[in-house]
């Protein structure tokens, strides 16, 4: 199961993801991101322990649709999938706890979407 919590931020939205971004559940990210008016989205992947081809496909689809994605704190399993698929270079990837704490303190509102 994937749970996505949407938090508003100054220049976009933060999608905090918990669980697995896999076939069937990956639509939670798509639905949460598409509902946003902004074109910048930070995916906080701290709580994501697995991603499959469908999950990667959803991230690529969002990027291709014009939503600029930043991936925050991806686990090693997620980083490995990005490396193997040679998609690591199309996303901005940050691995900073300080960045995550900054996002959390500057977020104004939130909503949760679960699949």
N, C-alpha and C. Protein backbone atom coordinates (compact mmCIF):
# COMPACT_ATOMS: atom_id res chain seq x y z
N UNK A 1 0.84 -1.18 0.00
CA UNK A 1 0.00 0.00 0.00
C UNK A 1 0.88 1.24 0.00
N UNK A 2 0.47 2.25 -0.74
CA UNK A 2 1.17 3.53 -0.80
C UNK A 2 0.26 4.62 -0.25
N UNK A 3 0.79 5.39 0.68
CA UNK A 3 0.07 6.53 1.23
C UNK A 3 0.86 7.78 0.84
N UNK A 4 0.16 8.75 0.26
CA UNK A 4 0.78 10.01 -0.16
C UNK A 4 0.13 11.14 0.61
N UNK A 5 0.94 11.89 1.34
CA UNK A 5 0.47 13.07 2.05
C UNK A 5 0.94 14.29 1.28
N UNK A 6 0.01 15.15 0.92
CA UNK A 6 0.30 16.33 0.11
C UNK A 6 0.45 17.52 1.05
N UNK A 7 1.58 18.22 0.91
CA UNK A 7 1.83 19.41 1.73
C UNK A 7 2.18 20.56 0.81
N UNK A 8 1.50 21.68 1.00
CA UNK A 8 1.78 22.89 0.22
C UNK A 8 3.10 23.48 0.68
N UNK A 9 3.86 24.03 -0.26
CA UNK A 9 5.13 24.66 0.04
C UNK A 9 5.24 25.90 -0.80
N UNK A 10 6.18 26.77 -0.48
CA UNK A 10 6.33 28.07 -1.17
C UNK A 10 6.26 27.96 -2.68
N UNK A 11 7.09 27.13 -3.28
CA UNK A 11 7.19 27.10 -4.74
C UNK A 11 6.69 25.80 -5.34
N UNK A 12 5.80 25.13 -4.65
CA UNK A 12 5.29 23.88 -5.19
C UNK A 12 4.60 23.07 -4.12
N UNK A 13 4.75 21.77 -4.25
CA UNK A 13 4.08 20.85 -3.35
C UNK A 13 5.06 19.75 -2.95
N UNK A 14 4.90 19.23 -1.74
CA UNK A 14 5.69 18.10 -1.28
C UNK A 14 4.74 16.91 -1.16
N UNK A 15 5.10 15.82 -1.82
CA UNK A 15 4.32 14.59 -1.71
C UNK A 15 5.13 13.62 -0.86
N UNK A 16 4.71 13.44 0.39
CA UNK A 16 5.39 12.51 1.29
C UNK A 16 4.83 11.13 1.02
N UNK A 17 5.69 10.23 0.60
CA UNK A 17 5.28 8.89 0.21
C UNK A 17 5.69 7.88 1.27
N UNK A 18 4.76 7.01 1.63
CA UNK A 18 5.01 5.93 2.59
C UNK A 18 4.57 4.62 1.96
N UNK A 19 5.45 3.64 1.91
CA UNK A 19 5.09 2.32 1.40
C UNK A 19 5.88 1.95 0.17
N UNK A 20 5.19 1.38 -0.80
CA UNK A 20 5.83 0.91 -2.02
C UNK A 20 5.20 1.57 -3.24
N UNK A 21 6.04 2.01 -4.18
CA UNK A 21 5.53 2.60 -5.41
C UNK A 21 5.57 1.48 -6.45
N UNK A 22 4.48 0.73 -6.49
CA UNK A 22 4.41 -0.46 -7.35
C UNK A 22 3.10 -0.47 -8.13
N UNK A 23 3.03 -1.36 -9.10
CA UNK A 23 1.86 -1.48 -9.97
C UNK A 23 0.57 -1.47 -9.15
N UNK A 24 -0.32 -0.60 -9.52
CA UNK A 24 -1.59 -0.44 -8.82
C UNK A 24 -1.56 0.70 -7.83
N UNK A 25 -0.55 0.73 -6.99
CA UNK A 25 -0.44 1.78 -5.98
C UNK A 25 0.19 3.06 -6.51
N UNK A 26 0.91 2.97 -7.63
CA UNK A 26 1.61 4.15 -8.15
C UNK A 26 0.65 5.26 -8.57
N UNK A 27 -0.60 4.91 -8.79
CA UNK A 27 -1.58 5.92 -9.20
C UNK A 27 -1.82 6.95 -8.10
N UNK A 28 -1.53 6.64 -6.85
CA UNK A 28 -1.70 7.61 -5.77
C UNK A 28 -0.82 8.83 -6.00
N UNK A 29 0.40 8.60 -6.48
CA UNK A 29 1.30 9.73 -6.77
C UNK A 29 0.76 10.53 -7.94
N UNK A 30 0.35 9.83 -8.98
CA UNK A 30 -0.17 10.52 -10.16
C UNK A 30 -1.38 11.37 -9.79
N UNK A 31 -2.31 10.79 -9.05
CA UNK A 31 -3.53 11.52 -8.67
C UNK A 31 -3.20 12.73 -7.80
N UNK A 32 -2.33 12.55 -6.83
CA UNK A 32 -1.98 13.65 -5.93
C UNK A 32 -1.27 14.76 -6.68
N UNK A 33 -0.37 14.42 -7.57
CA UNK A 33 0.40 15.43 -8.30
C UNK A 33 -0.45 16.16 -9.33
N UNK A 34 -1.30 15.45 -10.02
CA UNK A 34 -2.12 16.05 -11.08
C UNK A 34 -3.10 17.05 -10.49
N UNK A 35 -3.54 16.84 -9.27
CA UNK A 35 -4.49 17.75 -8.63
C UNK A 35 -3.87 19.09 -8.27
N UNK A 36 -2.55 19.16 -8.26
CA UNK A 36 -1.87 20.38 -7.85
C UNK A 36 -1.77 21.36 -9.01
N UNK A 37 -1.86 22.63 -8.70
CA UNK A 37 -1.77 23.66 -9.73
C UNK A 37 -0.34 23.98 -10.09
N UNK A 38 0.58 23.83 -9.15
CA UNK A 38 1.97 24.17 -9.40
C UNK A 38 2.66 23.18 -10.32
N UNK A 39 3.79 23.57 -10.82
CA UNK A 39 4.55 22.71 -11.73
C UNK A 39 5.80 22.16 -11.08
N UNK A 40 5.98 22.39 -9.77
CA UNK A 40 7.12 21.84 -9.04
C UNK A 40 6.59 20.88 -7.99
N UNK A 41 7.19 19.72 -7.90
CA UNK A 41 6.79 18.75 -6.89
C UNK A 41 8.04 18.08 -6.32
N UNK A 42 8.09 18.00 -5.01
CA UNK A 42 9.14 17.26 -4.33
C UNK A 42 8.51 15.98 -3.82
N UNK A 43 9.08 14.85 -4.22
CA UNK A 43 8.63 13.56 -3.71
C UNK A 43 9.55 13.15 -2.57
N UNK A 44 9.03 13.17 -1.37
CA UNK A 44 9.80 12.73 -0.21
C UNK A 44 9.69 11.21 -0.16
N UNK A 45 10.77 10.55 -0.57
CA UNK A 45 10.78 9.08 -0.67
C UNK A 45 11.39 8.41 0.55
N UNK A 46 11.53 9.15 1.63
CA UNK A 46 12.13 8.60 2.84
C UNK A 46 11.42 7.32 3.29
N UNK A 47 10.11 7.28 3.17
CA UNK A 47 9.33 6.13 3.62
C UNK A 47 9.04 5.10 2.55
N UNK A 48 9.70 5.19 1.40
CA UNK A 48 9.46 4.24 0.30
C UNK A 48 10.55 3.19 0.31
N UNK A 49 10.14 1.92 0.40
CA UNK A 49 11.13 0.85 0.45
C UNK A 49 11.26 0.05 -0.84
N UNK A 50 10.39 0.30 -1.82
CA UNK A 50 10.47 -0.42 -3.09
C UNK A 50 9.77 0.37 -4.19
N UNK A 51 10.28 0.18 -5.41
CA UNK A 51 9.66 0.77 -6.60
C UNK A 51 9.83 -0.23 -7.73
N UNK A 52 8.81 -0.36 -8.58
CA UNK A 52 8.91 -1.27 -9.72
C UNK A 52 8.78 -0.48 -11.02
N UNK A 53 8.68 -1.17 -12.14
CA UNK A 53 8.61 -0.53 -13.45
C UNK A 53 7.41 0.41 -13.56
N UNK A 54 6.27 0.01 -13.00
CA UNK A 54 5.08 0.87 -13.04
C UNK A 54 5.31 2.14 -12.23
N UNK A 55 5.96 2.02 -11.10
CA UNK A 55 6.28 3.18 -10.28
C UNK A 55 7.22 4.14 -10.99
N UNK A 56 8.26 3.58 -11.60
CA UNK A 56 9.19 4.38 -12.38
C UNK A 56 8.44 5.05 -13.54
N UNK A 57 7.56 4.30 -14.18
CA UNK A 57 6.77 4.85 -15.29
C UNK A 57 5.93 6.03 -14.86
N UNK A 58 5.36 5.98 -13.67
CA UNK A 58 4.55 7.11 -13.20
C UNK A 58 5.41 8.34 -12.95
N UNK A 59 6.62 8.15 -12.43
CA UNK A 59 7.51 9.29 -12.22
C UNK A 59 7.93 9.91 -13.55
N UNK A 60 8.25 9.06 -14.52
CA UNK A 60 8.63 9.54 -15.85
C UNK A 60 7.46 10.26 -16.51
N UNK A 61 6.25 9.74 -16.34
CA UNK A 61 5.06 10.38 -16.92
C UNK A 61 4.84 11.77 -16.34
N UNK A 62 5.02 11.90 -15.05
CA UNK A 62 4.87 13.22 -14.42
C UNK A 62 5.91 14.19 -14.96
N UNK A 63 7.14 13.74 -15.04
CA UNK A 63 8.22 14.60 -15.55
C UNK A 63 7.93 15.00 -17.00
N UNK A 64 7.47 14.05 -17.80
CA UNK A 64 7.19 14.31 -19.21
C UNK A 64 6.00 15.26 -19.39
N UNK A 65 5.10 15.28 -18.42
CA UNK A 65 3.93 16.16 -18.52
C UNK A 65 4.24 17.60 -18.13
N UNK A 66 5.47 17.85 -17.73
CA UNK A 66 5.87 19.21 -17.40
C UNK A 66 5.94 19.50 -15.92
N UNK A 67 5.71 18.51 -15.08
CA UNK A 67 5.85 18.69 -13.64
C UNK A 67 7.30 18.40 -13.28
N UNK A 68 8.00 19.42 -12.74
CA UNK A 68 9.40 19.26 -12.39
C UNK A 68 9.48 18.51 -11.06
N UNK A 69 10.09 17.33 -11.08
CA UNK A 69 10.18 16.49 -9.89
C UNK A 69 11.55 16.57 -9.23
N UNK A 70 11.54 16.69 -7.93
CA UNK A 70 12.74 16.53 -7.12
C UNK A 70 12.48 15.32 -6.23
N UNK A 71 13.40 14.37 -6.24
CA UNK A 71 13.27 13.18 -5.39
C UNK A 71 14.12 13.40 -4.15
N UNK A 72 13.50 13.31 -2.98
CA UNK A 72 14.17 13.56 -1.72
C UNK A 72 14.37 12.26 -0.96
N UNK A 73 15.60 12.00 -0.58
CA UNK A 73 15.97 10.86 0.27
C UNK A 73 15.50 9.49 -0.23
N UNK A 74 15.78 9.17 -1.50
CA UNK A 74 15.39 7.82 -1.94
C UNK A 74 16.23 6.75 -1.25
N UNK A 75 15.60 5.65 -0.87
CA UNK A 75 16.31 4.52 -0.26
C UNK A 75 17.25 3.91 -1.30
N UNK A 76 18.20 3.14 -0.83
CA UNK A 76 19.18 2.53 -1.73
C UNK A 76 18.52 1.65 -2.79
N UNK A 77 17.44 0.93 -2.42
CA UNK A 77 16.74 0.09 -3.39
C UNK A 77 16.15 0.94 -4.53
N UNK A 78 15.61 2.09 -4.19
CA UNK A 78 15.03 2.99 -5.18
C UNK A 78 16.13 3.58 -6.04
N UNK A 79 17.23 4.00 -5.42
CA UNK A 79 18.37 4.55 -6.18
C UNK A 79 18.91 3.51 -7.16
N UNK A 80 18.97 2.26 -6.73
CA UNK A 80 19.48 1.20 -7.60
C UNK A 80 18.59 1.01 -8.83
N UNK A 81 17.28 1.04 -8.64
CA UNK A 81 16.36 0.91 -9.78
C UNK A 81 16.56 2.08 -10.74
N UNK A 82 16.72 3.28 -10.21
CA UNK A 82 16.97 4.45 -11.06
C UNK A 82 18.28 4.30 -11.83
N UNK A 83 19.31 3.75 -11.16
CA UNK A 83 20.61 3.54 -11.82
C UNK A 83 20.50 2.50 -12.92
N UNK A 84 19.88 1.38 -12.61
CA UNK A 84 19.76 0.27 -13.57
C UNK A 84 18.98 0.69 -14.81
N UNK A 85 17.94 1.48 -14.61
CA UNK A 85 17.12 1.93 -15.73
C UNK A 85 17.71 3.16 -16.43
N UNK A 86 18.81 3.65 -15.91
CA UNK A 86 19.50 4.82 -16.44
C UNK A 86 18.61 6.07 -16.44
N UNK A 87 17.76 6.16 -15.43
CA UNK A 87 16.86 7.30 -15.29
C UNK A 87 17.29 8.24 -14.17
N UNK A 88 18.37 7.90 -13.51
CA UNK A 88 18.85 8.71 -12.39
C UNK A 88 19.13 10.16 -12.80
N UNK A 89 19.56 10.35 -14.04
CA UNK A 89 19.96 11.68 -14.48
C UNK A 89 18.78 12.58 -14.88
N UNK A 90 17.57 12.03 -15.03
CA UNK A 90 16.46 12.90 -15.45
C UNK A 90 15.74 13.55 -14.27
N UNK A 91 16.07 13.11 -13.06
CA UNK A 91 15.45 13.68 -11.87
C UNK A 91 16.50 14.40 -11.03
N UNK A 92 16.08 15.47 -10.37
CA UNK A 92 16.94 16.07 -9.36
C UNK A 92 16.78 15.22 -8.10
N UNK A 93 17.89 14.75 -7.56
CA UNK A 93 17.85 13.89 -6.38
C UNK A 93 18.60 14.57 -5.25
N UNK A 94 17.93 14.69 -4.11
CA UNK A 94 18.54 15.28 -2.92
C UNK A 94 18.50 14.28 -1.79
N UNK A 95 19.55 14.28 -1.02
CA UNK A 95 19.62 13.33 0.10
C UNK A 95 19.99 14.05 1.39
N UNK A 96 19.24 15.06 1.69
CA UNK A 96 19.59 15.87 2.85
C UNK A 96 18.48 15.85 3.88
N UNK A 97 18.82 15.51 5.08
CA UNK A 97 17.87 15.60 6.18
C UNK A 97 17.50 17.06 6.43
N UNK A 98 18.48 17.95 6.27
CA UNK A 98 18.21 19.37 6.46
C UNK A 98 17.16 19.85 5.47
N UNK A 99 17.25 19.40 4.22
CA UNK A 99 16.26 19.79 3.21
C UNK A 99 14.89 19.27 3.61
N UNK A 100 14.82 18.05 4.12
CA UNK A 100 13.54 17.47 4.53
C UNK A 100 12.96 18.26 5.69
N UNK A 101 13.79 18.62 6.67
CA UNK A 101 13.31 19.38 7.82
C UNK A 101 12.82 20.76 7.40
N UNK A 102 13.53 21.39 6.45
CA UNK A 102 13.11 22.68 5.94
C UNK A 102 11.74 22.59 5.28
N UNK A 103 11.55 21.55 4.48
CA UNK A 103 10.26 21.34 3.82
C UNK A 103 9.16 21.18 4.87
N UNK A 104 9.42 20.39 5.88
CA UNK A 104 8.39 20.12 6.89
C UNK A 104 8.01 21.38 7.66
N UNK A 105 8.98 22.25 7.94
CA UNK A 105 8.66 23.45 8.71
C UNK A 105 7.99 24.52 7.85
N UNK A 106 8.20 24.50 6.53
CA UNK A 106 7.65 25.52 5.66
C UNK A 106 6.33 25.11 5.01
N UNK A 107 5.92 23.88 5.18
CA UNK A 107 4.67 23.42 4.58
C UNK A 107 3.48 24.00 5.35
N UNK A 108 2.51 24.51 4.60
CA UNK A 108 1.38 25.18 5.23
C UNK A 108 0.22 24.23 5.50
N UNK A 109 -0.18 23.45 4.51
CA UNK A 109 -1.35 22.59 4.65
C UNK A 109 -1.03 21.20 4.14
N UNK A 110 -1.86 20.25 4.50
CA UNK A 110 -1.62 18.90 4.00
C UNK A 110 -2.92 18.15 3.82
N UNK A 111 -2.85 17.12 2.97
CA UNK A 111 -3.96 16.21 2.73
C UNK A 111 -3.34 14.86 2.41
N UNK A 112 -4.02 13.78 2.74
CA UNK A 112 -3.48 12.45 2.52
C UNK A 112 -4.34 11.70 1.51
N UNK A 113 -3.62 10.98 0.61
CA UNK A 113 -4.27 10.15 -0.40
C UNK A 113 -3.71 8.76 -0.21
N UNK A 114 -4.53 7.75 -0.09
CA UNK A 114 -4.06 6.38 0.06
C UNK A 114 -4.67 5.48 -0.97
N UNK A 115 -3.88 4.51 -1.41
CA UNK A 115 -4.38 3.54 -2.38
C UNK A 115 -4.26 2.17 -1.75
